[in-house]
Amino acid sequence: MDGDAATIRKILTELGDTWAVVGLSTNRGRAAYGVAEVLRRYGKRVVPVHPKAETVHGEQGYASLADIPFPVDVVDVFVNSDLAGPVADEAVRIGARAVWFQLGVVDEAAYDRTRAAGLDMVMDRCPAIEIPRLG
C-alpha cells in the first residue's frame, strides 16, 4: 500500500521517538496494546490517545492529540478508516512530523492532504512488523 521502504525507515529511525498512538487503551486484547509494547522495546515513547485518557505502559493518556502538552513526532492511528482522516488533520494541526495509518486503515484523501501539508505518511502498514525488518 502507501509507504515505500525509504519513508518507513525515515519515520522509524529519523523523525524522533515520541509516538502518539490514537486508539491505545488498557485493553490488552487490542492490537494497539501489543504494537505499543513493540515500539517501547525499540526505544519509542508511546503516548496513549483515547477518549478514556487511560495511563498505558506507565505513560499518561490524553483524550485527543490537541491535549498532549509536548511535541509529538509520529501519530500512529488505530481507528476505523472513516475516522482516520480527521485524526490525520489533527496531527497536521499539532505539528507532528509524520502520520502512520495501521494495517487496514486506509483513507487516500487523508493521505494526500497529509503529504501536501509536508508530513511523511505511511498507510495500511504496521510499525511492529516493519521496525524489526530494519536490522
Protein backbone atom coordinates (compact mmCIF):
# COMPACT_ATOMS: atom_id res chain seq x y z
CA MET A 1 0.00 0.00 0.00
CA ASP A 2 1.24 3.56 0.54
CA GLY A 3 4.53 3.55 2.33
CA ASP A 4 7.74 2.97 0.46
CA ALA A 5 10.70 1.46 2.25
CA ALA A 6 12.57 4.78 2.45
CA THR A 7 9.63 6.57 4.10
CA ILE A 8 9.10 3.70 6.54
CA ARG A 9 12.79 3.75 7.51
CA LYS A 10 12.78 7.55 7.87
CA ILE A 11 9.75 7.55 10.18
CA LEU A 12 11.07 4.72 12.32
CA THR A 13 14.68 5.92 12.60
CA GLU A 14 14.98 9.67 11.90
CA LEU A 15 11.85 11.59 12.86
CA GLY A 16 12.00 11.28 16.62
CA ASP A 17 10.93 8.93 19.35
CA THR A 18 7.66 10.39 20.67
CA TRP A 19 4.74 8.46 19.21
CA ALA A 20 1.12 9.29 19.96
CA VAL A 21 -0.91 6.09 19.48
CA VAL A 22 -4.52 7.00 18.74
CA GLY A 23 -6.81 4.23 19.94
CA LEU A 24 -4.43 2.92 22.61
CA SER A 25 -6.18 1.90 25.84
CA THR A 26 -5.55 -0.56 28.65
CA ASN A 27 -7.35 -3.30 26.66
CA ARG A 28 -4.63 -5.91 26.21
CA GLY A 29 -6.70 -7.69 23.57
CA ARG A 30 -6.45 -4.81 21.13
CA ALA A 31 -3.70 -4.67 18.50
CA ALA A 32 -2.72 -1.16 19.63
CA TYR A 33 -1.64 -2.52 23.02
CA GLY A 34 0.80 -5.04 21.52
CA VAL A 35 2.15 -2.61 18.94
CA ALA A 36 2.78 -0.06 21.70
CA GLU A 37 4.82 -2.69 23.58
CA VAL A 38 6.95 -3.31 20.49
CA LEU A 39 7.51 0.41 19.91
CA ARG A 40 8.57 0.82 23.55
CA ARG A 41 11.02 -2.09 23.23
CA TYR A 42 12.61 -0.20 20.33
CA GLY A 43 13.04 2.94 22.44
CA LYS A 44 9.95 4.92 21.48
CA ARG A 45 7.97 6.98 23.98
CA VAL A 46 4.39 5.84 23.44
CA VAL A 47 1.67 8.33 24.39
CA PRO A 48 -1.86 6.87 24.57
CA VAL A 49 -4.63 8.88 22.88
CA HIS A 50 -8.10 7.54 23.66
CA PRO A 51 -11.39 9.07 24.86
CA LYS A 52 -10.82 7.45 28.27
CA ALA A 53 -7.34 9.06 28.56
CA GLU A 54 -6.07 5.98 30.40
CA THR A 55 -2.47 5.55 31.54
CA VAL A 56 -0.94 2.71 29.50
CA HIS A 57 2.53 1.19 29.96
CA GLY A 58 3.12 3.87 32.62
CA GLU A 59 2.55 6.75 30.21
CA GLN A 60 -0.20 9.31 30.88
CA GLY A 61 -3.01 9.15 28.34
CA TYR A 62 -4.80 12.03 26.65
CA ALA A 63 -8.32 12.29 25.22
CA SER A 64 -7.09 13.92 21.99
CA LEU A 65 -3.90 14.86 20.19
CA ALA A 66 -4.59 18.52 20.97
CA ASP A 67 -4.48 17.73 24.71
CA ILE A 68 -0.87 16.49 24.61
CA PRO A 69 1.24 19.28 26.20
CA PHE A 70 4.52 18.42 24.44
CA PRO A 71 5.66 17.86 20.85
CA VAL A 72 4.72 14.60 19.11
CA ASP A 73 6.89 13.21 16.32
CA VAL A 74 4.67 10.48 14.90
CA VAL A 75 0.92 9.89 15.16
CA ASP A 76 0.10 6.17 14.87
CA VAL A 77 -3.59 5.70 14.04
CA PHE A 78 -5.59 2.68 15.25
CA VAL A 79 -9.11 3.85 14.38
CA ASN A 80 -11.55 2.82 11.66
CA SER A 81 -10.76 4.23 8.23
CA ASP A 82 -13.82 6.51 8.31
CA LEU A 83 -12.43 8.19 11.48
CA ALA A 84 -8.79 8.31 10.39
CA GLY A 85 -8.93 11.40 8.17
CA PRO A 86 -9.84 13.80 11.00
CA VAL A 87 -7.03 12.29 13.12
CA ALA A 88 -4.54 12.92 10.31
CA ASP A 89 -5.79 16.50 10.02
CA GLU A 90 -5.34 16.96 13.78
CA ALA A 91 -1.81 15.55 13.50
CA VAL A 92 -1.03 18.27 10.96
CA ARG A 93 -2.53 20.94 13.27
CA ILE A 94 -0.42 19.89 16.28
CA GLY A 95 2.79 19.93 14.24
CA ALA A 96 3.53 16.20 14.12
CA ARG A 97 6.25 15.17 11.70
CA ALA A 98 4.58 12.02 10.38
CA VAL A 99 1.35 10.04 10.38
CA TRP A 100 1.16 6.25 10.34
CA PHE A 101 -2.13 4.52 9.50
CA GLN A 102 -2.16 0.96 10.80
CA LEU A 103 -2.96 -2.18 8.81
CA GLY A 104 -6.46 -1.91 7.39
CA VAL A 105 -6.66 1.86 7.93
CA VAL A 106 -6.97 3.45 4.50
CA ASP A 107 -8.03 6.96 3.51
CA GLU A 108 -6.46 8.11 0.23
CA ALA A 109 -7.77 11.68 0.58
CA ALA A 110 -6.28 11.99 4.08
CA TYR A 111 -3.00 10.57 2.76
CA ASP A 112 -2.92 13.23 0.02
CA ARG A 113 -3.81 16.07 2.44
CA THR A 114 -1.19 14.96 4.97
CA ARG A 115 1.56 14.68 2.35
CA ALA A 116 0.54 18.06 0.87
CA ALA A 117 0.96 19.55 4.36
CA GLY A 118 4.57 18.36 4.34
CA LEU A 119 4.32 15.36 6.67
CA ASP A 120 5.68 11.92 5.94
CA MET A 121 2.97 9.28 5.90
CA VAL A 122 2.56 5.52 5.77
CA MET A 123 -0.81 3.85 5.29
CA ASP A 124 -2.03 0.27 5.79
CA ARG A 125 1.23 -0.91 7.42
CA CYS A 126 2.25 -1.85 10.95
CA PRO A 127 5.36 -0.41 12.64
CA ALA A 128 5.64 -3.51 14.84
CA ILE A 129 6.12 -5.54 11.65
CA GLU A 130 8.36 -3.00 9.90
CA ILE A 131 10.74 -2.00 12.73
CA PRO A 132 12.38 -5.45 13.18
CA ARG A 133 12.99 -5.55 9.40
CA LEU A 134 15.25 -2.53 9.64
CA GLY A 135 18.06 -4.64 11.05
